[in-house]
Structures are given as C-alpha cells and as structure tokens.
Amino acid sequence: MKLLIYTKQLDEFEEFCYILSQLPKKISLDKVSCIKNAKFLYEEHAHDIVLINFDNKEGRDLRNFILHINSKQRIYTLSQNLECSEPLGCDHCNEHHNINRLIKPIRPHDIINIVKSVDFCSQYCNDDLLFKLLRIQKHLSVDKVYSFDQSTFSFNKQPTATQTEKTFIQITDVLDTLGISYWVNENYDILVDAQQ
C-alpha cells in the first residue's frame, strides 16, 4: 500500500507515520509539505490513499488537481472545521468521488481505520452538532473517562473511571462555550439536547 501525505507541517504526522510503520501491512509513504512536490509525486507514482491537510488553499488546490486526474482516488481531507471538500455536497461526493473527511487531531484508531477504508464522512456529514461533539471527544481525549455515544448524543461516564471531575468540567465548559444545551443525569452522564 502506498500513501501520499500533504501538509504544511510534517511534524503533525510523526505519530501517524510511526503507527503505520508498526502495522504488519507493508506501507510506503510519500510525505511532502510543498504542493509542487505533491503534484509531482502524484503524477509519478500510483497512490492507494492520499491524505491532504485541508486547512489551507494549497490543500484544496491539490484535491482538485488529483480529482482532475482520477475522480475516484481515495482521499482523506484532514481539518478542524465542518467544511466539506465537495462544493456540491455529500451526495455528489459519494456518487462521484472517494473522499472522506477526518477531524484533527488524528488518533491511533483513526490511522487503523484509514488503512481499513472506514467511511468517516457519514459520521458527521452535514450535521453541525454531531461534528462539534465529535471534536470535543477528540480534542479532550475523553475516551478513558467518558465514552461518546453518537446514537444518543451523550457522553457516558465509564463505570470503572476514577477522578472524573476534571474531564466532566472540561466537557461541560466546552459545551457551555459553544452554546450547546445539555443536562446531567444522576450518574454524571452528559446528555446533549439533539433538537438544537
């Protein structure tokens, strides 16, 4: 498997590359921070997956360049916002392309799912509230103390978790800052009002 990674800051992919090197599957990486080099490598070599930092104009230009050559190239756009990489929307993208969005920061389980071709876009496509909640989950690394349940829009306290107060305060503080309504049950689970 061959991957092309484009980002202005290659150091943000150090852990990503390390985890890929530990997988039993042989994976070859082309990492570039210059769009000219990214275009050259894409034209010279076949890549199974292309990861593009989509937080800048060059990332969008590279996506368009690649789709002009191969509209079905497996691409993962990485960003911290809800902006879809396809101006015509998710339905058009699903029908004509093979693009997925992934919220930064990238976690180890995300890397495994990229290699396994998991569809991330469907998790939060066109759902601003779900997108914000998934960002909270990823940025606060709440998995060990609270698990996020997408079906109920809730952060559920893990039964074996200890010292949960700090994480509880972090989650509720971010929800308050974003103006997201929620309530807390007797188990200190945080339930978000999905009707916002």
C-alpha atoms as a PDB file:
ATOM      1  CA  MET A   1       0.000   0.000   0.000  1.00  0.00           C
ATOM      2  CA  LYS A   2       1.309   3.454  -0.925  1.00  0.00           C
ATOM      3  CA  LEU A   3       0.225   6.704   0.739  1.00  0.00           C
ATOM      4  CA  LEU A   4       0.822  10.338  -0.163  1.00  0.00           C
ATOM      5  CA  ILE A   5       0.607  12.819   2.711  1.00  0.00           C
ATOM      6  CA  TYR A   6       0.447  16.552   2.061  1.00  0.00           C
ATOM      7  CA  THR A   7       0.602  19.068   4.880  1.00  0.00           C
ATOM      8  CA  LYS A   8       2.440  22.309   5.586  1.00  0.00           C
ATOM      9  CA  GLN A   9       3.629  20.892   8.934  1.00  0.00           C
ATOM     10  CA  LEU A  10       5.024  17.392   8.512  1.00  0.00           C
ATOM     11  CA  ASP A  11       5.732  17.097  12.237  1.00  0.00           C
ATOM     12  CA  GLU A  12       1.975  16.784  12.918  1.00  0.00           C
ATOM     13  CA  PHE A  13       2.172  13.383  11.162  1.00  0.00           C
ATOM     14  CA  GLU A  14       5.088  11.918  13.140  1.00  0.00           C
ATOM     15  CA  GLU A  15       2.887   9.698  15.318  1.00  0.00           C
ATOM     16  CA  PHE A  16       0.779   8.792  12.289  1.00  0.00           C
ATOM     17  CA  CYS A  17       3.848   7.608  10.361  1.00  0.00           C
ATOM     18  CA  TYR A  18       5.233   5.738  13.367  1.00  0.00           C
ATOM     19  CA  ILE A  19       1.987   3.791  13.848  1.00  0.00           C
ATOM     20  CA  LEU A  20       1.862   2.943  10.140  1.00  0.00           C
ATOM     21  CA  SER A  21       5.421   1.599  10.357  1.00  0.00           C
ATOM     22  CA  GLN A  22       4.341  -0.740  13.168  1.00  0.00           C
ATOM     23  CA  LEU A  23       1.497  -2.342  11.220  1.00  0.00           C
ATOM     24  CA  PRO A  24       2.047  -5.801   9.742  1.00  0.00           C
ATOM     25  CA  LYS A  25       0.991  -4.480   6.318  1.00  0.00           C
ATOM     26  CA  LYS A  26       3.818  -3.067   4.174  1.00  0.00           C
ATOM     27  CA  ILE A  27       3.099   0.629   3.696  1.00  0.00           C
ATOM     28  CA  SER A  28       5.164   3.080   1.678  1.00  0.00           C
ATOM     29  CA  LEU A  29       4.856   6.794   2.478  1.00  0.00           C
ATOM     30  CA  ASP A  30       5.482   9.909   0.429  1.00  0.00           C
ATOM     31  CA  LYS A  31       5.364  12.910   2.822  1.00  0.00           C
ATOM     32  CA  VAL A  32       5.525  16.404   1.385  1.00  0.00           C
ATOM     33  CA  SER A  33       4.957  19.950   2.577  1.00  0.00           C
ATOM     34  CA  CYS A  34       5.233  21.601  -0.850  1.00  0.00           C
ATOM     35  CA  ILE A  35       2.296  21.407  -3.256  1.00  0.00           C
ATOM     36  CA  LYS A  36       4.621  21.302  -6.281  1.00  0.00           C
ATOM     37  CA  ASN A  37       6.305  18.164  -4.889  1.00  0.00           C
ATOM     38  CA  ALA A  38       2.930  16.650  -4.015  1.00  0.00           C
ATOM     39  CA  LYS A  39       1.709  17.087  -7.581  1.00  0.00           C
ATOM     40  CA  PHE A  40       4.941  15.669  -8.986  1.00  0.00           C
ATOM     41  CA  LEU A  41       4.814  12.579  -6.735  1.00  0.00           C
ATOM     42  CA  TYR A  42       1.148  12.023  -7.516  1.00  0.00           C
ATOM     43  CA  GLU A  43       1.820  12.087 -11.259  1.00  0.00           C
ATOM     44  CA  GLU A  44       4.917   9.846 -10.961  1.00  0.00           C
ATOM     45  CA  HIS A  45       3.550   7.145  -8.624  1.00  0.00           C
ATOM     46  CA  ALA A  46       0.269   5.352  -8.028  1.00  0.00           C
ATOM     47  CA  HIS A  47      -1.025   6.008  -4.505  1.00  0.00           C
ATOM     48  CA  ASP A  48      -3.683   3.915  -2.805  1.00  0.00           C
ATOM     49  CA  ILE A  49      -4.537   6.702  -0.368  1.00  0.00           C
ATOM     50  CA  VAL A  50      -3.895  10.449  -0.356  1.00  0.00           C
ATOM     51  CA  LEU A  51      -4.136  12.432   2.891  1.00  0.00           C
ATOM     52  CA  ILE A  52      -4.474  16.186   2.474  1.00  0.00           C
ATOM     53  CA  ASN A  53      -4.385  18.833   5.156  1.00  0.00           C
ATOM     54  CA  PHE A  54      -7.471  20.763   4.086  1.00  0.00           C
ATOM     55  CA  ASP A  55      -6.924  23.769   6.365  1.00  0.00           C
ATOM     56  CA  ASN A  56      -5.327  25.841   3.586  1.00  0.00           C
ATOM     57  CA  LYS A  57      -5.812  26.860  -0.055  1.00  0.00           C
ATOM     58  CA  GLU A  58      -2.998  24.594  -1.256  1.00  0.00           C
ATOM     59  CA  GLY A  59      -4.810  21.567   0.186  1.00  0.00           C
ATOM     60  CA  ARG A  60      -7.933  22.443  -1.759  1.00  0.00           C
ATOM     61  CA  ASP A  61      -5.853  23.001  -4.913  1.00  0.00           C
ATOM     62  CA  LEU A  62      -4.196  19.589  -4.511  1.00  0.00           C
ATOM     63  CA  ARG A  63      -7.571  17.904  -4.064  1.00  0.00           C
ATOM     64  CA  ASN A  64      -8.831  19.489  -7.295  1.00  0.00           C
ATOM     65  CA  PHE A  65      -5.613  18.548  -9.134  1.00  0.00           C
ATOM     66  CA  ILE A  66      -5.945  14.898  -8.062  1.00  0.00           C
ATOM     67  CA  LEU A  67      -9.652  14.664  -8.877  1.00  0.00           C
ATOM     68  CA  HIS A  68      -8.953  16.049 -12.348  1.00  0.00           C
ATOM     69  CA  ILE A  69      -6.589  13.108 -12.921  1.00  0.00           C
ATOM     70  CA  ASN A  70      -8.543  10.419 -11.039  1.00  0.00           C
ATOM     71  CA  SER A  71     -12.029  11.260  -9.758  1.00  0.00           C
ATOM     72  CA  LYS A  72     -12.163   8.010  -7.746  1.00  0.00           C
ATOM     73  CA  GLN A  73      -8.834   8.411  -5.898  1.00  0.00           C
ATOM     74  CA  ARG A  74      -9.163   7.525  -2.205  1.00  0.00           C
ATOM     75  CA  ILE A  75      -8.612  10.868  -0.462  1.00  0.00           C
ATOM     76  CA  TYR A  76      -8.863  11.821   3.193  1.00  0.00           C
ATOM     77  CA  THR A  77      -9.153  15.555   3.840  1.00  0.00           C
ATOM     78  CA  LEU A  78      -7.984  16.468   7.332  1.00  0.00           C
ATOM     79  CA  SER A  79      -9.221  19.608   9.049  1.00  0.00           C
ATOM     80  CA  GLN A  80     -10.676  21.085  12.204  1.00  0.00           C
ATOM     81  CA  ASN A  81     -13.804  22.516  10.630  1.00  0.00           C
ATOM     82  CA  LEU A  82     -17.017  21.221   9.092  1.00  0.00           C
ATOM     83  CA  GLU A  83     -16.195  22.497   5.604  1.00  0.00           C
ATOM     84  CA  CYS A  84     -16.949  19.775   3.087  1.00  0.00           C
ATOM     85  CA  SER A  85     -14.311  19.272   0.421  1.00  0.00           C
ATOM     86  CA  GLU A  86     -17.004  18.939  -2.241  1.00  0.00           C
ATOM     87  CA  PRO A  87     -18.809  22.226  -3.030  1.00  0.00           C
ATOM     88  CA  LEU A  88     -21.784  20.287  -4.436  1.00  0.00           C
ATOM     89  CA  GLY A  89     -22.311  18.414  -1.149  1.00  0.00           C
ATOM     90  CA  CYS A  90     -22.040  14.952   0.318  1.00  0.00           C
ATOM     91  CA  ASP A  91     -24.452  13.203  -2.070  1.00  0.00           C
ATOM     92  CA  HIS A  92     -22.458  14.365  -5.105  1.00  0.00           C
ATOM     93  CA  CYS A  93     -19.210  13.388  -3.417  1.00  0.00           C
ATOM     94  CA  ASN A  94     -20.475   9.899  -2.518  1.00  0.00           C
ATOM     95  CA  GLU A  95     -21.691   9.347  -6.055  1.00  0.00           C
ATOM     96  CA  HIS A  96     -18.681  10.699  -7.980  1.00  0.00           C
ATOM     97  CA  HIS A  97     -15.659  10.566  -5.674  1.00  0.00           C
ATOM     98  CA  ASN A  98     -13.977   8.543  -2.944  1.00  0.00           C
ATOM     99  CA  ILE A  99     -13.289  11.329  -0.435  1.00  0.00           C
ATOM    100  CA  ASN A 100     -13.586  11.212   3.330  1.00  0.00           C
ATOM    101  CA  ARG A 101     -13.191  13.919   5.957  1.00  0.00           C
ATOM    102  CA  LEU A 102     -11.345  13.346   9.174  1.00  0.00           C
ATOM    103  CA  ILE A 103     -11.335  15.670  12.163  1.00  0.00           C
ATOM    104  CA  LYS A 104      -7.919  16.595  13.521  1.00  0.00           C
ATOM    105  CA  PRO A 105      -6.157  15.638  15.677  1.00  0.00           C
ATOM    106  CA  ILE A 106      -5.663  12.178  14.235  1.00  0.00           C
ATOM    107  CA  ARG A 107      -5.790   9.421  16.851  1.00  0.00           C
ATOM    108  CA  PRO A 108      -4.231   5.935  16.551  1.00  0.00           C
ATOM    109  CA  HIS A 109      -7.610   4.279  15.919  1.00  0.00           C
ATOM    110  CA  ASP A 110      -8.197   6.755  13.054  1.00  0.00           C
ATOM    111  CA  ILE A 111      -4.986   5.557  11.413  1.00  0.00           C
ATOM    112  CA  ILE A 112      -6.077   1.927  11.567  1.00  0.00           C
ATOM    113  CA  ASN A 113      -9.471   2.888  10.142  1.00  0.00           C
ATOM    114  CA  ILE A 114      -7.850   4.771   7.255  1.00  0.00           C
ATOM    115  CA  VAL A 115      -5.915   1.650   6.287  1.00  0.00           C
ATOM    116  CA  LYS A 116      -9.128  -0.392   6.647  1.00  0.00           C
ATOM    117  CA  SER A 117     -11.042   2.110   4.428  1.00  0.00           C
ATOM    118  CA  VAL A 118     -13.597   3.163   7.044  1.00  0.00           C
ATOM    119  CA  ASP A 119     -16.011   5.884   5.908  1.00  0.00           C
ATOM    120  CA  PHE A 120     -15.599   8.806   8.325  1.00  0.00           C
ATOM    121  CA  CYS A 121     -17.730  11.291   6.395  1.00  0.00           C
ATOM    122  CA  SER A 122     -21.001   9.550   7.130  1.00  0.00           C
ATOM    123  CA  GLN A 123     -20.402  10.094  10.853  1.00  0.00           C
ATOM    124  CA  TYR A 124     -20.895  13.844  10.649  1.00  0.00           C
ATOM    125  CA  CYS A 125     -21.765  14.835   7.121  1.00  0.00           C
ATOM    126  CA  ASN A 126     -23.969  17.930   7.229  1.00  0.00           C
ATOM    127  CA  ASP A 127     -24.614  17.583  10.982  1.00  0.00           C
ATOM    128  CA  ASP A 128     -23.041  20.571  12.687  1.00  0.00           C
ATOM    129  CA  LEU A 129     -23.985  19.469  16.222  1.00  0.00           C
ATOM    130  CA  LEU A 130     -22.575  15.955  15.786  1.00  0.00           C
ATOM    131  CA  PHE A 131     -19.428  17.405  14.237  1.00  0.00           C
ATOM    132  CA  LYS A 132     -18.918  19.679  17.281  1.00  0.00           C
ATOM    133  CA  LEU A 133     -19.479  16.785  19.696  1.00  0.00           C
ATOM    134  CA  LEU A 134     -17.007  14.555  17.863  1.00  0.00           C
ATOM    135  CA  ARG A 135     -14.454  17.378  18.006  1.00  0.00           C
ATOM    136  CA  ILE A 136     -14.971  17.656  21.762  1.00  0.00           C
ATOM    137  CA  GLN A 137     -14.413  13.934  22.094  1.00  0.00           C
ATOM    138  CA  LYS A 138     -11.202  14.022  20.074  1.00  0.00           C
ATOM    139  CA  HIS A 139      -9.710  17.216  21.482  1.00  0.00           C
ATOM    140  CA  LEU A 140     -10.307  16.369  25.108  1.00  0.00           C
ATOM    141  CA  SER A 141      -9.327  12.696  24.720  1.00  0.00           C
ATOM    142  CA  VAL A 142     -12.281  11.779  26.886  1.00  0.00           C
ATOM    143  CA  ASP A 143     -12.383   8.102  25.859  1.00  0.00           C
ATOM    144  CA  LYS A 144     -10.878   6.739  29.079  1.00  0.00           C
ATOM    145  CA  VAL A 145     -13.283   8.604  31.350  1.00  0.00           C
ATOM    146  CA  TYR A 146     -16.317   9.263  29.141  1.00  0.00           C
ATOM    147  CA  SER A 147     -17.446   7.423  26.028  1.00  0.00           C
ATOM    148  CA  PHE A 148     -19.350   9.356  23.385  1.00  0.00           C
ATOM    149  CA  ASP A 149     -22.492   7.648  22.078  1.00  0.00           C
ATOM    150  CA  GLN A 150     -23.494   9.059  18.679  1.00  0.00           C
ATOM    151  CA  SER A 151     -26.942   7.457  18.739  1.00  0.00           C
ATOM    152  CA  THR A 152     -27.963   9.249  21.960  1.00  0.00           C
ATOM    153  CA  PHE A 153     -25.691  12.320  21.668  1.00  0.00           C
ATOM    154  CA  SER A 154     -24.342  11.643  25.142  1.00  0.00           C
ATOM    155  CA  PHE A 155     -21.027  11.480  26.955  1.00  0.00           C
ATOM    156  CA  ASN A 156     -21.399   8.459  29.240  1.00  0.00           C
ATOM    157  CA  LYS A 157     -19.158   8.088  32.262  1.00  0.00           C
ATOM    158  CA  GLN A 158     -17.195   4.845  32.153  1.00  0.00           C
ATOM    159  CA  PRO A 159     -18.158   2.649  35.120  1.00  0.00           C
ATOM    160  CA  THR A 160     -14.516   1.969  36.037  1.00  0.00           C
ATOM    161  CA  ALA A 161     -13.350   5.567  35.607  1.00  0.00           C
ATOM    162  CA  THR A 162     -11.873   7.394  38.572  1.00  0.00           C
ATOM    163  CA  GLN A 163     -11.067  11.065  39.023  1.00  0.00           C
ATOM    164  CA  THR A 164     -13.739  12.083  36.535  1.00  0.00           C
ATOM    165  CA  GLU A 165     -14.311  15.621  37.800  1.00  0.00           C
ATOM    166  CA  LYS A 166     -11.673  17.271  35.596  1.00  0.00           C
ATOM    167  CA  THR A 167     -12.997  15.670  32.398  1.00  0.00           C
ATOM    168  CA  PHE A 168     -16.593  16.404  33.411  1.00  0.00           C
ATOM    169  CA  ILE A 169     -15.744  20.081  33.899  1.00  0.00           C
ATOM    170  CA  GLN A 170     -13.807  20.229  30.596  1.00  0.00           C
ATOM    171  CA  ILE A 171     -16.688  18.745  28.600  1.00  0.00           C
ATOM    172  CA  THR A 172     -19.387  20.926  30.186  1.00  0.00           C
ATOM    173  CA  ASP A 173     -17.204  24.030  29.846  1.00  0.00           C
ATOM    174  CA  VAL A 174     -16.770  23.457  26.108  1.00  0.00           C
ATOM    175  CA  LEU A 175     -20.497  22.729  25.692  1.00  0.00           C
ATOM    176  CA  ASP A 176     -21.295  25.979  27.512  1.00  0.00           C
ATOM    177  CA  THR A 177     -18.789  27.918  25.389  1.00  0.00           C
ATOM    178  CA  LEU A 178     -20.335  26.545  22.181  1.00  0.00           C
ATOM    179  CA  GLY A 179     -23.859  27.273  23.425  1.00  0.00           C
ATOM    180  CA  ILE A 180     -24.892  23.608  23.295  1.00  0.00           C
ATOM    181  CA  SER A 181     -27.772  22.649  25.613  1.00  0.00           C
ATOM    182  CA  TYR A 182     -27.298  19.593  27.815  1.00  0.00           C
ATOM    183  CA  TRP A 183     -28.303  18.082  31.115  1.00  0.00           C
ATOM    184  CA  VAL A 184     -26.568  15.734  33.541  1.00  0.00           C
ATOM    185  CA  ASN A 185     -28.187  12.632  35.000  1.00  0.00           C
ATOM    186  CA  GLU A 186     -27.566  11.049  38.407  1.00  0.00           C
ATOM    187  CA  ASN A 187     -24.617   9.025  37.024  1.00  0.00           C
ATOM    188  CA  TYR A 188     -22.921  12.200  35.756  1.00  0.00           C
ATOM    189  CA  ASP A 189     -23.576  11.217  32.159  1.00  0.00           C
ATOM    190  CA  ILE A 190     -23.803  14.331  29.973  1.00  0.00           C
ATOM    191  CA  LEU A 191     -26.793  14.218  27.655  1.00  0.00           C
ATOM    192  CA  VAL A 192     -26.891  16.715  24.800  1.00  0.00           C
ATOM    193  CA  ASP A 193     -30.179  18.089  23.505  1.00  0.00           C
ATOM    194  CA  ALA A 194     -30.156  16.766  19.921  1.00  0.00           C
ATOM    195  CA  GLN A 195     -33.003  19.089  18.888  1.00  0.00           C
ATOM    196  CA  GLN A 196     -30.788  22.192  18.695  1.00  0.00           C
END
